[in-house]
Every structure is written in structure tokens, then in C-alpha cells.
């Protein structure tokens, strides 16, 4: 889950955690958000195979390394800027 600590990403993580997934990887650029959803998921889903990683989807090498190491079957991409007009400038 890219952007797994954000508002949309964290909600998707909560929903995915209810299924019998092999592993849930939360990937976010902000450690505070990632830590928050990690603690919530650990508390509410103690048997969940959870991995939390920090990095940016704009860092191609980091993304390639993660794909090479974890080989995900499904990727939900929720990483996004919240203030799009500001970021477009």
C-alpha cells in the first residue's frame, strides 16, 4: 500500500487487514503516519503479517528494491499530494 499512512491509504489498510492476506506492506514517506497505522494494525490485527517501510514512490531505486525483495502480487497506490494546486506550482 503506497501512501499507507495517509487518510485513504490507512483506511484501505484497515480494510485489507480484515482479509487473509499473506502480508501487508505499508509504504509511506512520513514515518509518523506510518508508525500510527502500524500501531493501530498491530493492536487490532495481532496475527497480521505486517511490514512497514519508509520511502518515496518517486525514488525508483527504493521502489525497485522493495519489489525485488517482497514481490507483491497486488499494489494499491494511494500515495498522493494533498494540496495538488500548490504542488503543481
Protein backbone atom coordinates (compact mmCIF):
# COMPACT_ATOMS: atom_id res chain seq x y z
CA UNK A 1 0.00 0.00 0.00
CA UNK A 2 1.73 3.15 -1.14
CA UNK A 3 0.71 6.16 0.91
CA UNK A 4 -0.35 3.68 3.58
CA UNK A 5 -0.19 6.26 6.34
CA UNK A 6 -2.45 8.78 4.61
CA UNK A 7 -6.18 9.14 5.03
CA UNK A 8 -7.15 6.97 2.05
CA UNK A 9 -4.20 4.56 2.33
CA UNK A 10 -4.70 3.89 6.03
CA UNK A 11 -8.40 3.18 5.52
CA UNK A 12 -7.55 0.74 2.74
CA UNK A 13 -5.00 -0.90 5.08
CA UNK A 14 -7.71 -1.33 7.72
CA UNK A 15 -9.98 -2.99 5.19
CA UNK A 16 -7.25 -5.21 3.71
CA UNK A 17 -6.23 -6.34 7.21
CA UNK A 18 -9.64 -7.99 7.64
CA UNK A 19 -8.83 -10.46 4.84
CA UNK A 20 -6.48 -13.41 4.99
CA UNK A 21 -3.60 -11.72 3.18
CA UNK A 22 -0.18 -13.32 3.07
CA UNK A 23 1.41 -9.98 4.02
CA UNK A 24 0.51 -6.31 4.13
CA UNK A 25 3.28 -3.87 3.28
CA UNK A 26 2.65 -0.27 4.27
CA UNK A 27 4.89 2.13 2.34
CA UNK A 28 4.88 5.82 3.19
CA UNK A 29 7.22 8.78 3.07
CA UNK A 30 6.18 10.09 6.50
CA UNK A 31 7.30 7.99 9.43
CA UNK A 32 4.76 9.48 11.85
CA UNK A 33 1.83 8.40 9.69
CA UNK A 34 3.38 5.01 9.01
CA UNK A 35 4.04 4.47 12.71
CA UNK A 36 0.48 5.43 13.61
CA UNK A 37 -1.18 2.95 11.24
CA UNK A 38 1.39 0.30 12.19
CA UNK A 39 0.48 0.57 15.87
CA UNK A 40 -3.24 0.51 15.12
CA UNK A 41 -2.97 -2.54 12.86
CA UNK A 42 -0.77 -4.42 15.34
CA UNK A 43 -3.25 -3.71 18.10
CA UNK A 44 -6.36 -4.66 16.11
CA UNK A 45 -4.90 -7.48 13.98
CA UNK A 46 -2.16 -9.17 16.05
CA UNK A 47 -1.79 -12.07 13.59
CA UNK A 48 -1.37 -9.83 10.55
CA UNK A 49 1.96 -10.26 8.76
CA UNK A 50 2.73 -6.56 8.60
CA UNK A 51 5.78 -4.80 7.21
CA UNK A 52 6.12 -1.01 7.36
CA UNK A 53 8.64 0.64 5.06
CA UNK A 54 9.63 4.26 4.68
CA UNK A 55 10.37 5.81 1.31
CA UNK A 56 9.03 7.73 -1.63
CA UNK A 57 7.29 6.36 -4.71
CA UNK A 58 9.37 8.90 -6.62
CA UNK A 59 12.55 7.03 -5.61
CA UNK A 60 12.73 4.44 -8.40
CA UNK A 61 15.62 2.51 -6.84
CA UNK A 62 13.79 2.21 -3.49
CA UNK A 63 10.62 1.00 -5.21
CA UNK A 64 12.59 -1.46 -7.36
CA UNK A 65 14.37 -2.81 -4.27
CA UNK A 66 11.06 -3.32 -2.46
CA UNK A 67 9.51 -5.08 -5.45
CA UNK A 68 12.59 -7.27 -5.78
CA UNK A 69 12.63 -8.17 -2.08
CA UNK A 70 8.91 -8.65 -1.41
CA UNK A 71 7.48 -9.44 -4.86
CA UNK A 72 3.96 -8.15 -4.19
CA UNK A 73 1.06 -9.65 -6.12
CA UNK A 74 -1.19 -6.61 -5.70
CA UNK A 75 -0.25 -2.95 -5.23
CA UNK A 76 -2.71 -0.33 -4.09
CA UNK A 77 -1.33 3.09 -4.94
CA UNK A 78 -2.70 5.74 -2.58
CA UNK A 79 0.39 7.95 -2.35
CA UNK A 80 -0.56 11.48 -3.36
CA UNK A 81 -0.08 15.11 -2.55
CA UNK A 82 -2.96 16.60 -0.56
CA UNK A 83 -2.56 20.13 -1.91
CA UNK A 84 -2.44 19.45 -5.63
CA UNK A 85 -2.62 23.08 -6.89
CA UNK A 86 0.25 24.07 -4.59
CA UNK A 87 2.35 21.09 -5.67
CA UNK A 88 1.62 21.67 -9.37
CA UNK A 89 3.16 25.12 -8.99
